Protein backbone atom coordinates (compact mmCIF):
# COMPACT_ATOMS: atom_id res chain seq x y z
CA MET A 1 -36.13 -18.09 9.19
CA ARG A 2 -34.46 -17.90 5.79
CA ALA A 3 -35.09 -14.15 5.60
CA GLY A 4 -33.45 -13.72 9.00
CA LYS A 5 -30.35 -15.55 7.82
CA ALA A 6 -30.09 -13.48 4.66
CA GLY A 7 -30.47 -10.27 6.62
CA THR A 8 -27.53 -10.93 8.89
CA GLY A 9 -25.10 -11.31 5.94
CA ILE A 10 -21.67 -12.78 6.49
CA ARG A 11 -22.29 -13.66 10.12
CA ARG A 12 -24.87 -16.23 8.94
CA TRP A 13 -22.52 -17.83 6.44
CA PRO A 14 -21.53 -21.43 7.24
CA LEU A 15 -18.22 -21.83 9.04
CA SER A 16 -16.68 -23.50 5.99
CA ALA A 17 -17.63 -20.49 3.83
CA ARG A 18 -16.15 -18.04 6.33
CA LEU A 19 -12.96 -20.08 6.55
CA LEU A 20 -12.77 -20.16 2.75
CA VAL A 21 -13.17 -16.38 2.56
CA LEU A 22 -10.57 -15.90 5.31
CA SER A 23 -8.06 -18.22 3.64
CA SER A 24 -8.61 -16.52 0.27
CA LEU A 25 -8.17 -13.11 1.85
CA VAL A 26 -4.97 -14.21 3.61
CA THR A 27 -3.71 -15.70 0.33
CA ILE A 28 -4.47 -12.50 -1.59
CA LEU A 29 -2.88 -10.29 1.08
CA GLY A 30 0.18 -12.53 1.35
CA PHE A 31 0.60 -12.76 -2.41
CA SER A 32 0.13 -9.00 -2.76
CA ALA A 33 2.65 -8.35 0.02
CA VAL A 34 5.24 -10.61 -1.65
CA CYS A 35 4.69 -9.02 -5.06
CA GLY A 36 4.75 -5.54 -3.53
CA SER A 37 8.01 -6.35 -1.75
CA VAL A 38 9.50 -7.69 -4.99
CA MET A 39 8.46 -4.57 -6.91
CA LEU A 40 9.88 -2.30 -4.19
CA ASP A 41 13.15 -4.24 -4.35
CA MET A 42 13.14 -3.82 -8.12
CA ARG A 43 12.53 -0.10 -7.67
CA ARG A 44 15.40 0.18 -5.22
CA GLY A 45 17.53 -1.82 -7.63
CA GLU A 46 16.78 0.67 -10.41
CA GLU A 47 17.81 3.50 -8.07
CA VAL A 48 21.06 1.77 -7.15
CA LEU A 49 21.82 0.97 -10.78
CA ALA A 50 21.11 4.56 -11.86
CA ARG A 51 23.30 5.91 -9.06
CA GLN A 52 26.17 3.55 -9.88
CA SER A 53 26.04 4.26 -13.61
CA SER A 54 25.91 8.02 -12.93
CA GLU A 55 28.83 7.74 -10.51
CA ASN A 56 30.88 5.82 -13.07
CA LEU A 57 30.02 8.31 -15.81
CA ALA A 58 30.79 11.30 -13.59
CA THR A 59 34.09 9.74 -12.49
CA THR A 60 35.15 9.00 -16.06
CA ILE A 61 34.30 12.44 -17.44
CA ASP A 62 35.74 14.20 -14.40
CA ALA A 63 38.98 12.28 -14.77
CA ASP A 64 39.24 13.10 -18.49
CA ILE A 65 38.56 16.81 -17.98
CA GLY A 66 40.85 16.87 -14.94
CA ARG A 67 43.71 15.32 -16.89
CA THR A 68 43.18 17.73 -19.77
CA VAL A 69 43.17 20.80 -17.53
CA GLU A 70 46.13 19.51 -15.57
CA LEU A 71 48.10 18.81 -18.76
CA TYR A 72 47.43 22.27 -20.10
CA ASP A 73 48.19 23.82 -16.73
CA LEU A 74 51.61 22.11 -16.77
CA SER A 75 52.29 23.86 -20.07
CA LEU A 76 51.31 27.20 -18.54
CA ARG A 77 53.56 26.53 -15.55
CA ALA A 78 56.48 25.69 -17.85
CA VAL A 79 56.01 28.97 -19.73
CA VAL A 80 55.83 30.93 -16.46
CA THR A 81 59.08 29.32 -15.33
CA GLY A 82 60.74 30.01 -18.65
CA ILE A 83 59.67 33.66 -18.74
CA MET A 84 61.13 34.21 -15.28
CA THR A 85 64.53 32.85 -16.43
CA PRO A 86 66.71 35.89 -17.31
CA GLU A 87 68.68 34.09 -19.98
CA ILE A 88 65.52 33.48 -22.03
CA GLY A 89 65.19 37.18 -22.81
CA GLN A 90 68.69 37.29 -24.38
CA LEU A 91 67.90 34.57 -26.91
CA SER A 92 66.62 35.03 -30.42
CA LYS A 93 62.87 34.85 -31.02
CA GLU A 94 63.18 31.47 -32.68
CA MET A 95 65.17 29.98 -29.83
CA ARG A 96 63.00 31.61 -27.17
CA GLN A 97 59.92 30.22 -28.90
CA LEU A 98 61.40 26.78 -29.02
CA ILE A 99 62.42 26.74 -25.37
CA LEU A 100 59.29 28.34 -23.93
CA PHE A 101 56.83 26.14 -25.76
CA ASP A 102 58.86 22.98 -26.02
CA ASN A 103 56.75 21.32 -23.28
CA ALA A 104 53.50 22.97 -24.29
CA ALA A 105 50.60 20.60 -24.81
CA THR A 106 49.51 20.49 -28.41
CA ALA A 107 46.14 19.26 -29.56
CA SER A 108 43.44 20.43 -31.91
CA HIS A 109 41.33 21.53 -28.95
CA PHE A 110 44.06 23.61 -27.31
CA GLY A 111 44.59 27.24 -28.22
CA PRO A 112 48.15 28.67 -28.55
CA ILE A 113 49.68 29.98 -25.33
CA GLN A 114 50.24 33.72 -25.05
CA VAL A 115 52.26 35.85 -22.64
CA PHE A 116 51.09 39.33 -21.56
CA ASN A 117 53.21 41.81 -19.65
CA ALA A 118 52.20 43.79 -16.57
CA HIS A 119 50.37 46.34 -18.77
CA GLY A 120 48.33 43.71 -20.58
CA ASP A 121 50.29 43.89 -23.83
CA LEU A 122 50.94 40.71 -25.77
CA THR A 123 54.66 39.95 -25.77
CA VAL A 124 54.96 36.30 -26.78
CA ASP A 125 52.61 34.17 -28.84
CA ALA A 126 53.16 30.46 -29.48
CA ALA A 127 51.38 30.84 -32.81
CA SER A 128 53.59 33.62 -34.19
CA LEU A 129 57.13 34.95 -33.90
CA ASN A 130 55.85 38.48 -34.53
CA PRO A 131 52.44 38.72 -32.93
CA ALA A 132 50.21 41.66 -33.78
CA PRO A 133 49.75 44.30 -31.08
CA LEU A 134 47.11 43.18 -28.55
CA ASN A 135 46.13 44.39 -25.11
CA LYS A 136 44.06 42.32 -22.65
CA SER A 137 44.24 44.53 -19.59
CA ASP A 138 40.44 44.81 -19.53
CA GLU A 139 39.88 41.04 -19.51
CA ASP A 140 38.67 39.26 -16.38
CA PHE A 141 41.64 36.92 -16.20
CA PHE A 142 44.07 39.89 -16.26
CA LYS A 143 42.19 41.79 -13.56
CA VAL A 144 41.98 38.72 -11.36
CA HIS A 145 45.74 38.18 -11.41
CA VAL A 146 46.41 41.88 -10.81
CA ARG A 147 44.19 41.83 -7.70
CA ASP A 148 45.03 38.40 -6.32
CA GLY A 149 48.69 37.55 -5.97
CA GLU A 150 47.84 34.14 -4.50
CA ARG A 151 45.63 33.07 -7.33
CA GLY A 152 46.97 29.99 -9.10
CA LEU A 153 45.22 28.65 -12.18
CA TYR A 154 42.29 30.79 -13.21
CA ILE A 155 39.59 29.47 -15.55
CA SER A 156 37.52 32.18 -17.18
CA ARG A 157 33.88 32.08 -18.12
CA PRO A 158 33.14 30.73 -21.61
CA THR A 159 33.99 33.38 -24.17
CA LEU A 160 34.89 33.93 -27.79
CA HIS A 161 38.70 33.63 -27.82
CA ARG A 162 40.78 33.83 -30.96
CA GLY A 163 37.75 33.14 -33.12
CA ALA A 164 36.40 30.11 -31.21
CA TYR A 165 34.26 29.63 -28.12
CA SER A 166 36.65 28.55 -25.40
CA ILE A 167 37.47 28.66 -21.72
CA VAL A 168 40.60 30.69 -21.02
CA LEU A 169 43.17 29.26 -18.57
CA SER A 170 45.74 31.64 -17.15
CA ARG A 171 48.49 31.90 -14.55
CA ARG A 172 50.08 34.93 -12.94
CA ILE A 173 53.68 35.91 -13.58
CA THR A 174 55.33 37.25 -10.46
CA ASP A 175 58.79 38.89 -10.52
CA SER A 176 61.56 38.27 -7.98
CA ASP A 177 60.21 41.08 -5.77
CA GLY A 178 56.76 39.52 -5.68
CA ASN A 179 55.19 42.11 -7.95
CA PHE A 180 52.77 41.41 -10.76
CA ALA A 181 54.68 40.96 -14.01
CA GLY A 182 52.00 39.72 -16.38
CA ALA A 183 50.04 36.56 -17.19
CA VAL A 184 50.44 33.42 -19.26
CA VAL A 185 47.21 32.59 -21.06
CA GLY A 186 45.91 29.59 -22.99
CA SER A 187 42.52 28.19 -23.94
CA ILE A 188 40.58 24.96 -24.32
CA ARG A 189 38.09 25.16 -27.15
CA PHE A 190 34.48 23.99 -26.81
CA SER A 191 35.21 21.43 -29.49
CA TYR A 192 36.96 19.41 -26.77
CA PHE A 193 33.72 19.14 -24.74
CA HIS A 194 31.60 18.49 -27.83
CA ASP A 195 33.93 15.70 -28.86
CA LEU A 196 34.04 14.26 -25.32
CA PHE A 197 30.28 14.30 -24.80
CA GLY A 198 29.55 13.26 -28.37
CA ARG A 199 31.06 9.84 -27.72
CA LEU A 200 28.51 9.18 -24.98
CA ARG A 201 25.11 7.54 -25.45
CA LEU A 202 22.79 9.32 -23.05
CA ALA A 203 19.17 8.49 -22.36
CA PRO A 204 16.52 11.16 -23.02
CA GLY A 205 16.56 13.70 -20.22
CA ASP A 206 20.10 12.86 -19.05
CA THR A 207 22.39 15.85 -18.55
CA ILE A 208 26.09 16.38 -17.99
CA THR A 209 27.02 19.83 -16.72
CA VAL A 210 30.50 21.18 -16.13
CA PHE A 211 30.58 23.91 -13.50
CA ARG A 212 33.28 26.21 -12.34
CA ARG A 213 33.67 25.92 -8.57
CA ASP A 214 31.84 29.22 -8.09
CA GLY A 215 28.76 27.78 -9.84
CA MET A 216 29.23 29.17 -13.34
CA VAL A 217 28.10 26.83 -16.13
CA ILE A 218 31.06 26.06 -18.38
CA MET A 219 29.50 23.40 -20.58
CA ARG A 220 26.33 21.34 -20.70
CA THR A 221 24.91 18.52 -22.74
CA PRO A 222 22.37 18.62 -24.24
CA PHE A 223 23.99 21.81 -25.44
CA ASP A 224 22.09 25.04 -24.79
CA ILE A 225 23.94 28.24 -25.58
CA GLU A 226 21.56 30.20 -23.33
CA MET A 227 22.79 28.28 -20.27
CA ILE A 228 26.51 28.54 -21.03
CA GLY A 229 28.13 31.18 -18.85
CA THR A 230 25.16 31.55 -16.49
CA SER A 231 25.61 31.30 -12.74
CA ALA A 232 23.94 28.50 -10.78
CA LYS A 233 25.65 29.10 -7.45
CA ASP A 234 22.28 29.56 -5.69
CA SER A 235 20.77 26.39 -7.14
CA PRO A 236 20.05 23.47 -4.76
CA VAL A 237 22.58 21.29 -6.56
CA MET A 238 25.47 23.74 -6.17
CA ARG A 239 24.58 24.30 -2.53
CA ALA A 240 24.78 20.53 -2.05
CA VAL A 241 28.09 20.37 -3.95
CA GLY A 242 29.52 23.06 -1.74
CA GLY A 243 29.07 20.85 1.30
CA LEU A 244 30.25 17.49 -0.07
CA ALA A 245 33.31 16.48 -2.08
CA ASP A 246 31.47 13.45 -3.48
CA GLY A 247 27.74 13.03 -3.29
CA THR A 248 24.28 12.87 -4.74
CA TYR A 249 21.29 15.16 -4.75
CA SER A 250 17.70 14.44 -5.69
CA GLY A 251 15.44 17.26 -6.80
CA PHE A 252 15.22 20.14 -9.22
CA GLY A 253 18.62 21.40 -10.30
CA GLY A 254 17.65 24.98 -11.08
CA LEU A 255 18.64 25.05 -14.77
CA ASP A 256 15.39 23.41 -15.85
CA ASN A 257 12.19 22.21 -14.21
CA VAL A 258 13.00 18.49 -14.21
CA ASN A 259 13.29 16.29 -11.13
CA ARG A 260 16.58 14.41 -11.40
CA LEU A 261 19.16 12.40 -9.51
CA TYR A 262 22.42 14.40 -9.59
CA VAL A 263 25.82 12.78 -8.94
CA TRP A 264 29.25 14.41 -8.75
CA ARG A 265 32.80 13.34 -7.88
CA ASP A 266 35.78 15.29 -6.46
CA SER A 267 34.36 18.81 -6.19
CA SER A 268 37.83 20.04 -5.17
CA ARG A 269 38.89 20.24 -8.83
CA PRO A 270 38.70 23.57 -10.69
CA LEU A 271 35.88 22.16 -12.82
CA VAL A 272 33.10 20.04 -11.29
CA VAL A 273 31.24 17.49 -13.41
CA ILE A 274 27.63 16.77 -12.41
CA VAL A 275 25.66 13.99 -14.09
CA GLY A 276 21.87 14.21 -13.89
CA LYS A 277 19.35 11.45 -14.64
CA PRO A 278 15.61 12.20 -14.54
CA TRP A 279 13.66 10.06 -12.09
CA GLU A 280 11.06 9.57 -14.80
CA GLY A 281 13.68 7.86 -16.93
CA ILE A 282 15.16 5.88 -14.02
CA TYR A 283 11.77 4.38 -13.20
CA SER A 284 10.50 3.99 -16.77
CA GLN A 285 11.63 0.38 -17.18
CA TRP A 286 10.60 -0.49 -13.64
CA ARG A 287 7.21 1.11 -14.21
CA LYS A 288 6.62 -1.09 -17.27
CA GLN A 289 7.57 -4.19 -15.31
CA ALA A 290 5.46 -3.09 -12.35
CA ILE A 291 2.44 -2.55 -14.59
CA ARG A 292 2.93 -5.97 -16.16
CA ILE A 293 3.40 -7.73 -12.82
CA GLY A 294 0.59 -5.70 -11.26
CA GLY A 295 -1.73 -6.69 -14.10
CA ILE A 296 -0.88 -10.37 -13.61
CA VAL A 297 -1.36 -10.11 -9.85
CA LEU A 298 -4.64 -8.25 -10.30
CA GLY A 299 -5.83 -10.95 -12.70
CA LEU A 300 -4.94 -13.65 -10.17
CA ILE A 301 -6.68 -11.73 -7.40
CA LEU A 302 -9.80 -11.37 -9.52
CA PHE A 303 -9.65 -15.07 -10.37
CA ILE A 304 -9.26 -16.05 -6.71
CA THR A 305 -12.01 -13.62 -5.69
CA ALA A 306 -14.40 -14.89 -8.35
CA GLY A 307 -13.64 -18.50 -7.45
CA THR A 308 -14.07 -17.78 -3.76
CA LEU A 309 -17.40 -16.01 -4.29
CA PHE A 310 -18.61 -18.86 -6.48
CA LEU A 311 -17.62 -21.46 -3.91
CA VAL A 312 -19.09 -19.40 -1.05
CA ARG A 313 -22.35 -19.09 -2.95
CA GLU A 314 -22.43 -22.84 -3.55
CA ILE A 315 -21.56 -23.56 0.07
CA ALA A 316 -24.22 -21.12 1.28
CA ARG A 317 -26.75 -22.62 -1.13
CA ARG A 318 -25.95 -26.10 0.11
CA ALA A 319 -26.09 -24.91 3.72
CA ARG A 320 -29.51 -23.35 3.09
CA ALA A 321 -30.67 -26.57 1.48
CA GLU A 322 -29.38 -28.58 4.44
CA SER A 323 -30.96 -26.11 6.84
CA ARG A 324 -34.21 -26.38 4.95
CA LEU A 325 -34.05 -30.16 5.04
CA GLU A 326 -33.28 -30.05 8.76
CA GLU A 327 -36.16 -27.65 9.25
CA LEU A 328 -38.48 -29.93 7.31
CA SER A 329 -37.30 -32.90 9.33
CA THR A 330 -38.07 -31.10 12.60
CA THR A 331 -41.26 -29.29 11.54
CA ASP A 332 -44.77 -30.62 11.56
CA ALA A 333 -46.04 -30.40 7.99
CA LEU A 334 -49.63 -29.57 8.95
CA THR A 335 -49.26 -26.97 11.71
CA GLY A 336 -45.82 -25.51 11.03
CA LEU A 337 -44.78 -26.09 14.66
CA ARG A 338 -41.86 -28.27 15.69
CA ASN A 339 -42.47 -31.99 15.60
CA ARG A 340 -42.10 -34.55 18.37
CA ARG A 341 -38.52 -35.40 17.34
CA LYS A 342 -37.40 -31.77 17.65
CA PHE A 343 -39.23 -31.39 20.96
CA ASP A 344 -37.40 -34.40 22.42
CA ILE A 345 -34.04 -33.01 21.30
CA ASP A 346 -34.73 -29.55 22.74
CA ILE A 347 -36.07 -30.76 26.08
CA GLU A 348 -33.00 -32.95 26.58
CA GLN A 349 -30.68 -30.01 25.87
CA GLU A 350 -32.66 -27.59 28.04
CA TRP A 351 -32.85 -30.15 30.85
CA ARG A 352 -29.02 -30.38 30.99
CA ARG A 353 -28.72 -26.60 30.80
CA ALA A 354 -31.23 -26.16 33.61
CA ILE A 355 -29.20 -28.59 35.78
CA ARG A 356 -25.97 -26.63 35.10
CA GLN A 357 -27.57 -23.24 35.74
CA SER A 358 -29.94 -24.36 38.54
CA ARG A 359 -32.95 -22.71 36.96
CA PRO A 360 -36.53 -23.98 36.47
CA LEU A 361 -37.84 -25.69 33.36
CA ALA A 362 -41.55 -25.75 32.49
CA VAL A 363 -43.55 -27.95 30.11
CA LEU A 364 -47.11 -27.40 28.83
CA LEU A 365 -49.07 -30.30 27.37
CA ILE A 366 -52.07 -29.07 25.38
CA ASP A 367 -54.91 -31.24 24.11
CA ALA A 368 -57.80 -30.20 21.86
CA ASP A 369 -61.08 -30.94 23.71
CA HIS A 370 -63.46 -33.45 22.10
CA PHE A 371 -61.41 -33.40 18.92
CA LYS A 372 -62.37 -36.95 17.86
CA MET A 373 -66.01 -35.95 17.99
CA PHE A 374 -65.19 -32.73 16.09
CA ASN A 375 -63.37 -34.72 13.42
CA ASP A 376 -66.14 -37.28 13.11
CA THR A 377 -68.80 -34.58 12.91
CA TYR A 378 -67.25 -32.12 10.47
CA GLY A 379 -64.72 -34.26 8.64
CA HIS A 380 -60.97 -34.43 8.36
CA GLN A 381 -60.58 -31.23 6.36
CA PRO A 382 -62.18 -28.97 9.03
CA GLY A 383 -60.33 -31.03 11.60
CA ASP A 384 -57.02 -30.16 10.02
CA GLN A 385 -58.07 -26.48 9.84
CA ALA A 386 -58.92 -26.63 13.54
CA LEU A 387 -55.49 -28.02 14.42
CA MET A 388 -53.79 -25.28 12.37
CA SER A 389 -55.83 -22.62 14.16
CA ILE A 390 -54.87 -24.02 17.57
CA ALA A 391 -51.22 -24.13 16.42
CA ASP A 392 -51.43 -20.44 15.42
CA CYS A 393 -52.74 -19.57 18.89
CA ILE A 394 -49.88 -21.49 20.50
CA GLY A 395 -47.22 -20.01 18.21
CA GLY A 396 -48.54 -16.48 18.79
CA SER A 397 -48.34 -16.92 22.56
CA VAL A 398 -44.83 -18.41 22.70
CA ASN A 399 -42.30 -15.92 21.33
CA ARG A 400 -39.09 -16.21 23.37
CA ALA A 401 -35.93 -17.41 21.58
CA GLY A 402 -35.46 -20.52 23.73
CA ASP A 403 -39.12 -21.57 23.81
CA CYS A 404 -40.22 -24.56 21.75
CA ALA A 405 -43.81 -25.12 20.62
CA ALA A 406 -44.39 -28.53 19.03
CA ARG A 407 -47.09 -30.85 17.85
CA TYR A 408 -46.73 -33.74 20.28
CA GLY A 409 -48.97 -36.14 18.46
CA GLY A 410 -52.46 -36.15 16.90
CA GLU A 411 -54.45 -33.34 18.55
CA GLU A 412 -51.90 -32.94 21.37
CA PHE A 413 -49.32 -30.12 21.55
CA ALA A 414 -46.36 -29.41 23.84
CA VAL A 415 -44.61 -26.21 24.83
CA LEU A 416 -41.14 -26.06 26.39
CA LEU A 417 -40.47 -22.95 28.52
CA PRO A 418 -36.85 -22.74 29.85
CA GLY A 419 -36.30 -20.63 32.95
CA THR A 420 -40.04 -20.42 33.70
CA SER A 421 -41.73 -21.08 37.03
CA ALA A 422 -45.09 -22.80 37.35
CA GLU A 423 -46.87 -19.46 37.93
CA ASP A 424 -45.32 -17.87 34.83
CA ALA A 425 -46.05 -21.00 32.82
CA LEU A 426 -49.70 -20.75 33.93
CA VAL A 427 -49.84 -17.23 32.48
CA VAL A 428 -48.62 -18.53 29.12
CA ALA A 429 -51.05 -21.46 29.28
CA GLU A 430 -54.01 -19.18 30.00
CA ARG A 431 -53.02 -16.92 27.14
CA ILE A 432 -53.09 -19.89 24.79
CA ARG A 433 -56.37 -21.22 26.18
CA LEU A 434 -58.14 -17.86 25.89
CA ARG A 435 -56.92 -17.34 22.32
CA VAL A 436 -58.29 -20.76 21.33
CA GLU A 437 -61.52 -20.06 23.13
CA GLN A 438 -61.93 -16.80 21.17
CA LEU A 439 -61.58 -18.53 17.80
CA PRO A 440 -64.72 -18.28 15.59
CA ALA A 441 -67.06 -21.24 16.19
CA GLU A 442 -67.01 -22.24 12.55
CA PRO A 443 -67.88 -25.01 11.95
CA GLY A 444 -67.73 -25.79 15.68
CA LYS A 445 -66.48 -24.46 19.00
CA LEU A 446 -62.82 -25.22 19.90
CA THR A 447 -61.29 -25.36 23.38
CA VAL A 448 -58.11 -26.85 24.85
CA SER A 449 -57.05 -28.35 28.14
CA ILE A 450 -53.54 -27.67 29.37
CA GLY A 451 -51.35 -29.49 31.86
CA ILE A 452 -48.49 -27.54 33.43
CA ALA A 453 -45.36 -28.85 35.15
CA SER A 454 -42.31 -26.86 36.29
CA LEU A 455 -39.32 -27.71 38.46
CA THR A 456 -35.63 -27.03 38.94
CA PRO A 457 -34.02 -30.34 37.95
CA LEU A 458 -31.26 -32.17 39.76
CA VAL A 459 -28.58 -34.45 38.36
CA THR A 460 -30.45 -37.51 39.66
CA MET A 461 -33.64 -36.60 37.75
CA GLU A 462 -34.81 -37.43 34.21
CA TYR A 463 -36.78 -35.07 32.00
CA THR A 464 -39.32 -37.81 31.27
CA GLY A 465 -40.58 -37.33 34.80
CA LEU A 466 -41.35 -33.67 34.05
CA VAL A 467 -43.29 -34.61 30.92
CA GLU A 468 -45.16 -37.29 32.85
CA ALA A 469 -46.08 -34.76 35.55
CA ALA A 470 -47.46 -32.39 32.88
CA ASP A 471 -49.40 -35.30 31.38
CA LYS A 472 -50.94 -36.06 34.80
CA ALA A 473 -51.94 -32.40 35.10
CA LEU A 474 -53.49 -32.55 31.60
CA TYR A 475 -55.63 -35.52 32.60
CA ALA A 476 -56.61 -33.62 35.72
CA ALA A 477 -57.75 -30.68 33.57
CA LYS A 478 -59.83 -32.98 31.38
CA ALA A 479 -61.33 -34.69 34.41
CA ALA A 480 -62.23 -31.30 35.88
CA GLY A 481 -64.37 -30.43 32.85
CA ARG A 482 -61.86 -29.43 30.13
CA ASN A 483 -61.10 -25.89 28.79
CA ARG A 484 -58.84 -25.14 31.72
CA SER A 485 -55.17 -25.08 32.79
CA VAL A 486 -53.95 -27.19 35.70
CA ILE A 487 -50.56 -27.12 37.41
CA ALA A 488 -49.09 -30.50 38.29
CA ALA A 489 -49.40 -31.26 41.99
CA ALA A 490 -46.30 -31.80 44.11
CA PRO A 491 -46.67 -35.59 44.34
CA TYR A 492 -46.44 -35.87 40.55
CA LEU A 493 -43.34 -33.69 40.49
CA LEU A 494 -41.72 -35.78 43.16
CA MET A 495 -42.14 -38.72 40.82
CA ALA A 496 -39.60 -37.10 38.50
CA ALA A 497 -36.89 -37.49 41.13
């Protein structure tokens, strides 16, 4: 019986143990779900914080660069207006210089403004009253203004200008007839970007890239001279920028093989600032917290699991002990069959079930023939061996789950057969009797007499009547010469009513 319980595993655990396991499992799942939800919220919080900080940084840098370009462009516009004023050409060089560049922006990062005529020759230079001969007709900015009369401010690719790496800003000069009359040119040195970005404290992997609207890289930090002046118009980031004035993009930018969150603001400006933060860096702090929290949760889960398994083992051990005690209290110590107490409990339960289901219930009463004489002749030890042998024959013949074979008292045994008619009960009784009869006659021959009673009980009946009818049949078997099975006659069964 114990082996059968062990073999069925969890299904044989006591109800309290299964409830304990279920409650522990629900607790672990609920706790894990809460912690998982908290960590996901923390992760989303890190994303939001990274996006907001990138947006703020992009807005600040974009505004600074925008103001700088706009300020310098105002100086270029003022020079264009002055050059187109006829009276300016009649003034002396000193006066012309003073008037043309009176409103010109001056800063250490700004290059002097120059004026080139329609042939590309330098005519006016803010840095000199007598500039050296210089022709820029082969420069990109000059060719652009020659071709495009509608072009406003043009920002060149990064180049070496007047001895320093700079971006060249230029505007077209158009005469009164609408013809090309030259270009006004200035520059913003790279030192401006270095100074601007140098004041920032960026995390490892963070990037700030300044693009021209056509995708050309103007400046980038961390600074990489190999990337300056390259075109990234086909990169995923620039394709995203082309569709949105303000926005974000997550992925690989194209300039390096790092997965980042990219943020930009106001892509309508001549220069677009894109701030990139690597996802690895965004999640680094969260990952540390998640590992710490996950370790704590895992430790708690292991503690709960270990405690649950310990308690389940103790509950199962106690249940097995209680089951063993119950088994001992309902088992005959000598024969291993059920005892009289267990038989009375089972017959009462089966009697009520038979009434509900309207099915027959059979009882066999078995008595060892001449057992007192056997005991007196051979002694108590062989007598006990004889009873155990008879019990083995009974147990081997009764194998259904609901059947109950019991030692009824002394040398008398009882068998309860639910759902069995008198004829079927007789088959079982004869099987028992023949097995006993075939036992070795050592030290003496053993036989049994069996009384059989079977009926379909009614609510008005008592099971004691069925047992009494089987007892009457047993006496009839003994009176008829013993070693036989007798079915209770109808008058005895009617007595059960």
